[in-house]
Amino acid sequence: MPSRRTTESTHPATPAPKKRAAPKARPVEVTPRAIVTEDMRRGMIAEGAYLRAERRGFAGGHEDEDWLAAEAEVDRLLAIDDVSRPQ
């Protein structure tokens, strides 16, 4: 049974792709750190807890769980923000 393989002689050589120069590093803009007040933090947690309840169809009995999970997430994000920004 004949093979369907093609040989190099039937196809022209394809040129090697051109290498691109590495992108130049962009200067990092340092912005002033935002101050998150306790009221702002509480509002972020409340919004996160609401969104969790909404995804669950507002089924009752999970309010504390939603609040604690949202609180942990907000605190984690605020801690990452503190670490990632230069002082």
PDB file of N, CA and C in Angstrom:
ATOM      1  N   MET A   1       0.841  -1.158   0.000  1.00  0.00           N
ATOM      2  CA  MET A   1       0.000   0.000   0.000  1.00  0.00           C
ATOM      3  C   MET A   1       0.897   1.235   0.000  1.00  0.00           C
ATOM      4  N   PRO A   2       0.649   2.181  -0.899  1.00  0.00           N
ATOM      5  CA  PRO A   2       1.533   3.343  -0.986  1.00  0.00           C
ATOM      6  C   PRO A   2       1.334   4.283   0.210  1.00  0.00           C
ATOM      7  N   SER A   3       2.401   4.911   0.586  1.00  0.00           N
ATOM      8  CA  SER A   3       2.382   5.843   1.708  1.00  0.00           C
ATOM      9  C   SER A   3       1.964   7.228   1.218  1.00  0.00           C
ATOM     10  N   ARG A   4       1.280   7.972   2.068  1.00  0.00           N
ATOM     11  CA  ARG A   4       0.867   9.326   1.710  1.00  0.00           C
ATOM     12  C   ARG A   4       1.875  10.363   2.197  1.00  0.00           C
ATOM     13  N   ARG A   5       2.966   9.935   2.667  1.00  0.00           N
ATOM     14  CA  ARG A   5       3.982  10.864   3.142  1.00  0.00           C
ATOM     15  C   ARG A   5       4.541  11.662   1.976  1.00  0.00           C
ATOM     16  N   THR A   6       4.809  12.900   2.265  1.00  0.00           N
ATOM     17  CA  THR A   6       5.436  13.732   1.237  1.00  0.00           C
ATOM     18  C   THR A   6       6.903  13.866   1.581  1.00  0.00           C
ATOM     19  N   THR A   7       7.674  14.073   0.596  1.00  0.00           N
ATOM     20  CA  THR A   7       9.107  14.209   0.822  1.00  0.00           C
ATOM     21  C   THR A   7       9.469  15.678   0.799  1.00  0.00           C
ATOM     22  N   GLU A   8      10.615  15.980   1.316  1.00  0.00           N
ATOM     23  CA  GLU A   8      11.071  17.363   1.350  1.00  0.00           C
ATOM     24  C   GLU A   8      11.230  17.933  -0.042  1.00  0.00           C
ATOM     25  N   SER A   9      11.531  17.128  -1.003  1.00  0.00           N
ATOM     26  CA  SER A   9      11.776  17.629  -2.348  1.00  0.00           C
ATOM     27  C   SER A   9      10.491  18.125  -3.008  1.00  0.00           C
ATOM     28  N   THR A  10       9.320  17.675  -2.532  1.00  0.00           N
ATOM     29  CA  THR A  10       8.081  18.137  -3.154  1.00  0.00           C
ATOM     30  C   THR A  10       7.557  19.420  -2.521  1.00  0.00           C
ATOM     31  N   HIS A  11       8.078  19.811  -1.348  1.00  0.00           N
ATOM     32  CA  HIS A  11       7.643  21.031  -0.682  1.00  0.00           C
ATOM     33  C   HIS A  11       8.825  21.990  -0.564  1.00  0.00           C
ATOM     34  N   PRO A  12       8.587  23.260  -0.895  1.00  0.00           N
ATOM     35  CA  PRO A  12       9.687  24.209  -0.719  1.00  0.00           C
ATOM     36  C   PRO A  12       9.985  24.395   0.771  1.00  0.00           C
ATOM     37  N   ALA A  13      11.200  24.691   1.050  1.00  0.00           N
ATOM     38  CA  ALA A  13      11.602  24.882   2.444  1.00  0.00           C
ATOM     39  C   ALA A  13      10.907  26.117   2.998  1.00  0.00           C
ATOM     40  N   THR A  14      10.384  25.989   4.193  1.00  0.00           N
ATOM     41  CA  THR A  14       9.754  27.144   4.822  1.00  0.00           C
ATOM     42  C   THR A  14      10.808  27.890   5.618  1.00  0.00           C
ATOM     43  N   PRO A  15      10.819  29.209   5.481  1.00  0.00           N
ATOM     44  CA  PRO A  15      11.852  29.962   6.208  1.00  0.00           C
ATOM     45  C   PRO A  15      11.592  29.902   7.709  1.00  0.00           C
ATOM     46  N   ALA A  16      12.649  29.966   8.458  1.00  0.00           N
ATOM     47  CA  ALA A  16      12.538  29.948   9.915  1.00  0.00           C
ATOM     48  C   ALA A  16      11.867  31.242  10.366  1.00  0.00           C
ATOM     49  N   PRO A  17      11.027  31.169  11.370  1.00  0.00           N
ATOM     50  CA  PRO A  17      10.381  32.398  11.840  1.00  0.00           C
ATOM     51  C   PRO A  17      11.411  33.372  12.385  1.00  0.00           C
ATOM     52  N   LYS A  18      11.159  34.664  12.148  1.00  0.00           N
ATOM     53  CA  LYS A  18      12.082  35.685  12.629  1.00  0.00           C
ATOM     54  C   LYS A  18      11.899  35.846  14.133  1.00  0.00           C
ATOM     55  N   LYS A  19      13.003  36.019  14.817  1.00  0.00           N
ATOM     56  CA  LYS A  19      12.951  36.209  16.258  1.00  0.00           C
ATOM     57  C   LYS A  19      12.632  37.667  16.552  1.00  0.00           C
ATOM     58  N   ARG A  20      11.727  37.860  17.491  1.00  0.00           N
ATOM     59  CA  ARG A  20      11.372  39.213  17.893  1.00  0.00           C
ATOM     60  C   ARG A  20      12.272  39.665  19.024  1.00  0.00           C
ATOM     61  N   ALA A  21      12.541  40.943  19.012  1.00  0.00           N
ATOM     62  CA  ALA A  21      13.337  41.503  20.098  1.00  0.00           C
ATOM     63  C   ALA A  21      12.499  41.480  21.368  1.00  0.00           C
ATOM     64  N   ALA A  22      13.149  41.288  22.479  1.00  0.00           N
ATOM     65  CA  ALA A  22      12.444  41.277  23.761  1.00  0.00           C
ATOM     66  C   ALA A  22      11.849  42.658  23.999  1.00  0.00           C
ATOM     67  N   PRO A  23      10.629  42.696  24.531  1.00  0.00           N
ATOM     68  CA  PRO A  23      10.031  44.005  24.782  1.00  0.00           C
ATOM     69  C   PRO A  23      10.822  44.779  25.816  1.00  0.00           C
ATOM     70  N   LYS A  24      10.875  46.091  25.627  1.00  0.00           N
ATOM     71  CA  LYS A  24      11.605  46.927  26.568  1.00  0.00           C
ATOM     72  C   LYS A  24      10.835  47.014  27.874  1.00  0.00           C
ATOM     73  N   ALA A  25      11.558  47.038  28.951  1.00  0.00           N
ATOM     74  CA  ALA A  25      10.924  47.130  30.258  1.00  0.00           C
ATOM     75  C   ALA A  25      10.296  48.510  30.413  1.00  0.00           C
ATOM     76  N   ARG A  26       9.085  48.523  30.880  1.00  0.00           N
ATOM     77  CA  ARG A  26       8.389  49.789  31.108  1.00  0.00           C
ATOM     78  C   ARG A  26       8.613  50.223  32.546  1.00  0.00           C
ATOM     79  N   PRO A  27       8.748  51.521  32.748  1.00  0.00           N
ATOM     80  CA  PRO A  27       8.907  51.968  34.138  1.00  0.00           C
ATOM     81  C   PRO A  27       7.630  51.705  34.928  1.00  0.00           C
ATOM     82  N   VAL A  28       7.794  51.352  36.158  1.00  0.00           N
ATOM     83  CA  VAL A  28       6.654  51.064  37.025  1.00  0.00           C
ATOM     84  C   VAL A  28       6.209  52.371  37.671  1.00  0.00           C
ATOM     85  N   GLU A  29       4.925  52.655  37.544  1.00  0.00           N
ATOM     86  CA  GLU A  29       4.392  53.844  38.184  1.00  0.00           C
ATOM     87  C   GLU A  29       3.977  53.493  39.605  1.00  0.00           C
ATOM     88  N   VAL A  30       4.491  54.222  40.539  1.00  0.00           N
ATOM     89  CA  VAL A  30       4.144  54.002  41.935  1.00  0.00           C
ATOM     90  C   VAL A  30       3.069  55.015  42.294  1.00  0.00           C
ATOM     91  N   THR A  31       1.933  54.485  42.692  1.00  0.00           N
ATOM     92  CA  THR A  31       0.839  55.361  43.078  1.00  0.00           C
ATOM     93  C   THR A  31       0.738  55.385  44.588  1.00  0.00           C
ATOM     94  N   PRO A  32       0.216  56.468  45.127  1.00  0.00           N
ATOM     95  CA  PRO A  32       0.070  56.511  46.586  1.00  0.00           C
ATOM     96  C   PRO A  32      -0.844  55.390  47.065  1.00  0.00           C
ATOM     97  N   ARG A  33      -0.524  54.856  48.209  1.00  0.00           N
ATOM     98  CA  ARG A  33      -1.335  53.764  48.752  1.00  0.00           C
ATOM     99  C   ARG A  33      -2.663  54.308  49.221  1.00  0.00           C
ATOM    100  N   ALA A  34      -3.701  53.581  48.883  1.00  0.00           N
ATOM    101  CA  ALA A  34      -5.035  53.961  49.334  1.00  0.00           C
ATOM    102  C   ALA A  34      -5.200  53.533  50.781  1.00  0.00           C
ATOM    103  N   ILE A  35      -5.827  54.364  51.529  1.00  0.00           N
ATOM    104  CA  ILE A  35      -6.101  54.025  52.919  1.00  0.00           C
ATOM    105  C   ILE A  35      -7.498  53.433  52.983  1.00  0.00           C
ATOM    106  N   VAL A  36      -7.580  52.238  53.517  1.00  0.00           N
ATOM    107  CA  VAL A  36      -8.869  51.560  53.654  1.00  0.00           C
ATOM    108  C   VAL A  36      -9.298  51.702  55.100  1.00  0.00           C
ATOM    109  N   THR A  37     -10.371  52.444  55.288  1.00  0.00           N
ATOM    110  CA  THR A  37     -10.885  52.626  56.647  1.00  0.00           C
ATOM    111  C   THR A  37     -11.645  51.376  57.078  1.00  0.00           C
ATOM    112  N   GLU A  38     -11.956  51.311  58.351  1.00  0.00           N
ATOM    113  CA  GLU A  38     -12.708  50.172  58.868  1.00  0.00           C
ATOM    114  C   GLU A  38     -14.096  50.112  58.232  1.00  0.00           C
ATOM    115  N   ASP A  39     -14.701  51.279  57.992  1.00  0.00           N
ATOM    116  CA  ASP A  39     -16.012  51.306  57.335  1.00  0.00           C
ATOM    117  C   ASP A  39     -15.922  50.791  55.897  1.00  0.00           C
ATOM    118  N   MET A  40     -14.856  51.161  55.192  1.00  0.00           N
ATOM    119  CA  MET A  40     -14.676  50.682  53.815  1.00  0.00           C
ATOM    120  C   MET A  40     -14.477  49.169  53.812  1.00  0.00           C
ATOM    121  N   ARG A  41     -13.652  48.685  54.746  1.00  0.00           N
ATOM    122  CA  ARG A  41     -13.406  47.245  54.854  1.00  0.00           C
ATOM    123  C   ARG A  41     -14.713  46.505  55.128  1.00  0.00           C
ATOM    124  N   ARG A  42     -15.505  47.031  56.060  1.00  0.00           N
ATOM    125  CA  ARG A  42     -16.786  46.400  56.403  1.00  0.00           C
ATOM    126  C   ARG A  42     -17.715  46.377  55.185  1.00  0.00           C
ATOM    127  N   GLY A  43     -17.712  47.455  54.400  1.00  0.00           N
ATOM    128  CA  GLY A  43     -18.530  47.505  53.188  1.00  0.00           C
ATOM    129  C   GLY A  43     -18.076  46.484  52.152  1.00  0.00           C
ATOM    130  N   MET A  44     -16.757  46.292  52.026  1.00  0.00           N
ATOM    131  CA  MET A  44     -16.230  45.296  51.100  1.00  0.00           C
ATOM    132  C   MET A  44     -16.646  43.891  51.523  1.00  0.00           C
ATOM    133  N   ILE A  45     -16.589  43.651  52.823  1.00  0.00           N
ATOM    134  CA  ILE A  45     -16.988  42.345  53.350  1.00  0.00           C
ATOM    135  C   ILE A  45     -18.479  42.119  53.121  1.00  0.00           C
ATOM    136  N   ALA A  46     -19.291  43.144  53.400  1.00  0.00           N
ATOM    137  CA  ALA A  46     -20.740  43.010  53.213  1.00  0.00           C
ATOM    138  C   ALA A  46     -21.072  42.712  51.751  1.00  0.00           C
ATOM    139  N   GLU A  47     -20.383  43.395  50.848  1.00  0.00           N
ATOM    140  CA  GLU A  47     -20.635  43.142  49.423  1.00  0.00           C
ATOM    141  C   GLU A  47     -20.236  41.718  49.039  1.00  0.00           C
ATOM    142  N   GLY A  48     -19.092  41.262  49.536  1.00  0.00           N
ATOM    143  CA  GLY A  48     -18.659  39.896  49.254  1.00  0.00           C
ATOM    144  C   GLY A  48     -19.620  38.863  49.807  1.00  0.00           C
ATOM    145  N   ALA A  49     -20.129  39.108  51.025  1.00  0.00           N
ATOM    146  CA  ALA A  49     -21.083  38.176  51.633  1.00  0.00           C
ATOM    147  C   ALA A  49     -22.383  38.158  50.834  1.00  0.00           C
ATOM    148  N   TYR A  50     -22.819  39.333  50.380  1.00  0.00           N
ATOM    149  CA  TYR A  50     -24.039  39.413  49.571  1.00  0.00           C
ATOM    150  C   TYR A  50     -23.871  38.620  48.274  1.00  0.00           C
ATOM    151  N   LEU A  51     -22.743  38.793  47.606  1.00  0.00           N
ATOM    152  CA  LEU A  51     -22.513  38.084  46.340  1.00  0.00           C
ATOM    153  C   LEU A  51     -22.475  36.570  46.541  1.00  0.00           C
ATOM    154  N   ARG A  52     -21.909  36.144  47.658  1.00  0.00           N
ATOM    155  CA  ARG A  52     -21.896  34.703  47.957  1.00  0.00           C
ATOM    156  C   ARG A  52     -23.320  34.187  48.161  1.00  0.00           C
ATOM    157  N   ALA A  53     -24.128  34.950  48.897  1.00  0.00           N
ATOM    158  CA  ALA A  53     -25.519  34.549  49.132  1.00  0.00           C
ATOM    159  C   ALA A  53     -26.300  34.545  47.824  1.00  0.00           C
ATOM    160  N   GLU A  54     -26.039  35.519  46.988  1.00  0.00           N
ATOM    161  CA  GLU A  54     -26.729  35.593  45.697  1.00  0.00           C
ATOM    162  C   GLU A  54     -26.420  34.370  44.834  1.00  0.00           C
ATOM    163  N   ARG A  55     -25.155  33.964  44.794  1.00  0.00           N
ATOM    164  CA  ARG A  55     -24.775  32.777  44.009  1.00  0.00           C
ATOM    165  C   ARG A  55     -25.472  31.521  44.518  1.00  0.00           C
ATOM    166  N   ARG A  56     -25.792  31.498  45.798  1.00  0.00           N
ATOM    167  CA  ARG A  56     -26.448  30.348  46.402  1.00  0.00           C
ATOM    168  C   ARG A  56     -27.965  30.464  46.315  1.00  0.00           C
ATOM    169  N   GLY A  57     -28.467  31.544  45.707  1.00  0.00           N
ATOM    170  CA  GLY A  57     -29.908  31.724  45.593  1.00  0.00           C
ATOM    171  C   GLY A  57     -30.528  32.236  46.880  1.00  0.00           C
ATOM    172  N   PHE A  58     -29.738  32.894  47.721  1.00  0.00           N
ATOM    173  CA  PHE A  58     -30.202  33.465  48.983  1.00  0.00           C
ATOM    174  C   PHE A  58     -30.843  32.436  49.910  1.00  0.00           C
ATOM    175  N   ALA A  59     -30.380  31.188  49.813  1.00  0.00           N
ATOM    176  CA  ALA A  59     -30.864  30.165  50.742  1.00  0.00           C
ATOM    177  C   ALA A  59     -30.398  30.550  52.147  1.00  0.00           C
ATOM    178  N   GLY A  60     -31.305  30.535  53.095  1.00  0.00           N
ATOM    179  CA  GLY A  60     -31.006  30.960  54.451  1.00  0.00           C
ATOM    180  C   GLY A  60     -30.124  29.982  55.211  1.00  0.00           C
ATOM    181  N   GLY A  61     -29.601  30.470  56.330  1.00  0.00           N
ATOM    182  CA  GLY A  61     -28.826  29.601  57.207  1.00  0.00           C
ATOM    183  C   GLY A  61     -27.330  29.638  56.971  1.00  0.00           C
ATOM    184  N   HIS A  62     -26.861  30.449  56.037  1.00  0.00           N
ATOM    185  CA  HIS A  62     -25.424  30.484  55.744  1.00  0.00           C
ATOM    186  C   HIS A  62     -24.840  31.880  55.906  1.00  0.00           C
ATOM    187  N   GLU A  63     -25.554  32.757  56.605  1.00  0.00           N
ATOM    188  CA  GLU A  63     -25.137  34.145  56.709  1.00  0.00           C
ATOM    189  C   GLU A  63     -23.768  34.292  57.369  1.00  0.00           C
ATOM    190  N   ASP A  64     -23.564  33.591  58.479  1.00  0.00           N
ATOM    191  CA  ASP A  64     -22.285  33.672  59.181  1.00  0.00           C
ATOM    192  C   ASP A  64     -21.159  33.112  58.316  1.00  0.00           C
ATOM    193  N   GLU A  65     -21.421  32.001  57.662  1.00  0.00           N
ATOM    194  CA  GLU A  65     -20.423  31.385  56.783  1.00  0.00           C
ATOM    195  C   GLU A  65     -20.039  32.341  55.645  1.00  0.00           C
ATOM    196  N   ASP A  66     -21.050  32.995  55.039  1.00  0.00           N
ATOM    197  CA  ASP A  66     -20.795  33.945  53.958  1.00  0.00           C
ATOM    198  C   ASP A  66     -19.956  35.116  54.456  1.00  0.00           C
ATOM    199  N   TRP A  67     -20.308  35.632  55.631  1.00  0.00           N
ATOM    200  CA  TRP A  67     -19.592  36.783  56.177  1.00  0.00           C
ATOM    201  C   TRP A  67     -18.136  36.421  56.477  1.00  0.00           C
ATOM    202  N   LEU A  68     -17.923  35.289  57.126  1.00  0.00           N
ATOM    203  CA  LEU A  68     -16.556  34.892  57.487  1.00  0.00           C
ATOM    204  C   LEU A  68     -15.702  34.614  56.258  1.00  0.00           C
ATOM    205  N   ALA A  69     -16.296  33.987  55.242  1.00  0.00           N
ATOM    206  CA  ALA A  69     -15.545  33.718  54.013  1.00  0.00           C
ATOM    207  C   ALA A  69     -15.201  35.025  53.298  1.00  0.00           C
ATOM    208  N   ALA A  70     -16.159  35.956  53.242  1.00  0.00           N
ATOM    209  CA  ALA A  70     -15.900  37.245  52.603  1.00  0.00           C
ATOM    210  C   ALA A  70     -14.858  38.033  53.393  1.00  0.00           C
ATOM    211  N   GLU A  71     -14.928  37.977  54.709  1.00  0.00           N
ATOM    212  CA  GLU A  71     -13.963  38.680  55.554  1.00  0.00           C
ATOM    213  C   GLU A  71     -12.553  38.147  55.327  1.00  0.00           C
ATOM    214  N   ALA A  72     -12.417  36.839  55.252  1.00  0.00           N
ATOM    215  CA  ALA A  72     -11.103  36.242  55.008  1.00  0.00           C
ATOM    216  C   ALA A  72     -10.566  36.653  53.637  1.00  0.00           C
ATOM    217  N   GLU A  73     -11.444  36.675  52.642  1.00  0.00           N
ATOM    218  CA  GLU A  73     -11.021  37.054  51.294  1.00  0.00           C
ATOM    219  C   GLU A  73     -10.584  38.517  51.237  1.00  0.00           C
ATOM    220  N   VAL A  74     -11.366  39.397  51.835  1.00  0.00           N
ATOM    221  CA  VAL A  74     -11.012  40.819  51.839  1.00  0.00           C
ATOM    222  C   VAL A  74      -9.707  41.041  52.589  1.00  0.00           C
ATOM    223  N   ASP A  75      -9.551  40.426  53.739  1.00  0.00           N
ATOM    224  CA  ASP A  75      -8.310  40.579  54.506  1.00  0.00           C
ATOM    225  C   ASP A  75      -7.109  40.042  53.742  1.00  0.00           C
ATOM    226  N   ARG A  76      -7.309  38.937  53.034  1.00  0.00           N
ATOM    227  CA  ARG A  76      -6.214  38.381  52.221  1.00  0.00           C
ATOM    228  C   ARG A  76      -5.839  39.356  51.109  1.00  0.00           C
ATOM    229  N   LEU A  77      -6.838  39.918  50.440  1.00  0.00           N
ATOM    230  CA  LEU A  77      -6.566  40.862  49.358  1.00  0.00           C
ATOM    231  C   LEU A  77      -5.901  42.132  49.877  1.00  0.00           C
ATOM    232  N   LEU A  78      -6.342  42.615  51.005  1.00  0.00           N
ATOM    233  CA  LEU A  78      -5.715  43.807  51.572  1.00  0.00           C
ATOM    234  C   LEU A  78      -4.277  43.518  52.010  1.00  0.00           C
ATOM    235  N   ALA A  79      -4.018  42.322  52.517  1.00  0.00           N
ATOM    236  CA  ALA A  79      -2.663  41.950  52.914  1.00  0.00           C
ATOM    237  C   ALA A  79      -1.766  41.830  51.696  1.00  0.00           C
ATOM    238  N   ILE A  80      -2.266  41.263  50.608  1.00  0.00           N
ATOM    239  CA  ILE A  80      -1.489  41.146  49.371  1.00  0.00           C
ATOM    240  C   ILE A  80      -1.175  42.531  48.851  1.00  0.00           C
ATOM    241  N   ASP A  81      -2.140  43.436  48.911  1.00  0.00           N
ATOM    242  CA  ASP A  81      -1.946  44.790  48.442  1.00  0.00           C
ATOM    243  C   ASP A  81      -0.862  45.478  49.268  1.00  0.00           C
ATOM    244  N   ASP A  82      -0.830  45.253  50.576  1.00  0.00           N
ATOM    245  CA  ASP A  82       0.192  45.846  51.431  1.00  0.00           C
ATOM    246  C   ASP A  82       1.577  45.338  51.085  1.00  0.00           C
ATOM    247  N   VAL A  83       1.680  44.045  50.765  1.00  0.00           N
ATOM    248  CA  VAL A  83       2.965  43.439  50.475  1.00  0.00           C
ATOM    249  C   VAL A  83       3.468  43.828  49.095  1.00  0.00           C
ATOM    250  N   SER A  84       2.556  43.948  48.119  1.00  0.00           N
ATOM    251  CA  SER A  84       2.959  44.154  46.741  1.00  0.00           C
ATOM    252  C   SER A  84       3.359  45.590  46.426  1.00  0.00           C
ATOM    253  N   ARG A  85       2.954  46.537  47.245  1.00  0.00           N
ATOM    254  CA  ARG A  85       3.275  47.944  46.977  1.00  0.00           C
ATOM    255  C   ARG A  85       4.482  48.379  47.795  1.00  0.00           C
ATOM    256  N   PRO A  86       5.397  49.099  47.140  1.00  0.00           N
ATOM    257  CA  PRO A  86       6.548  49.600  47.899  1.00  0.00           C
ATOM    258  C   PRO A  86       6.112  50.704  48.860  1.00  0.00           C
ATOM    259  N   GLN A  87       6.831  50.826  49.932  1.00  0.00           N
ATOM    260  CA  GLN A  87       6.462  51.836  50.929  1.00  0.00           C
ATOM    261  C   GLN A  87       7.224  53.109  50.746  1.00  0.00           C
TER     262      GLN A  87
END
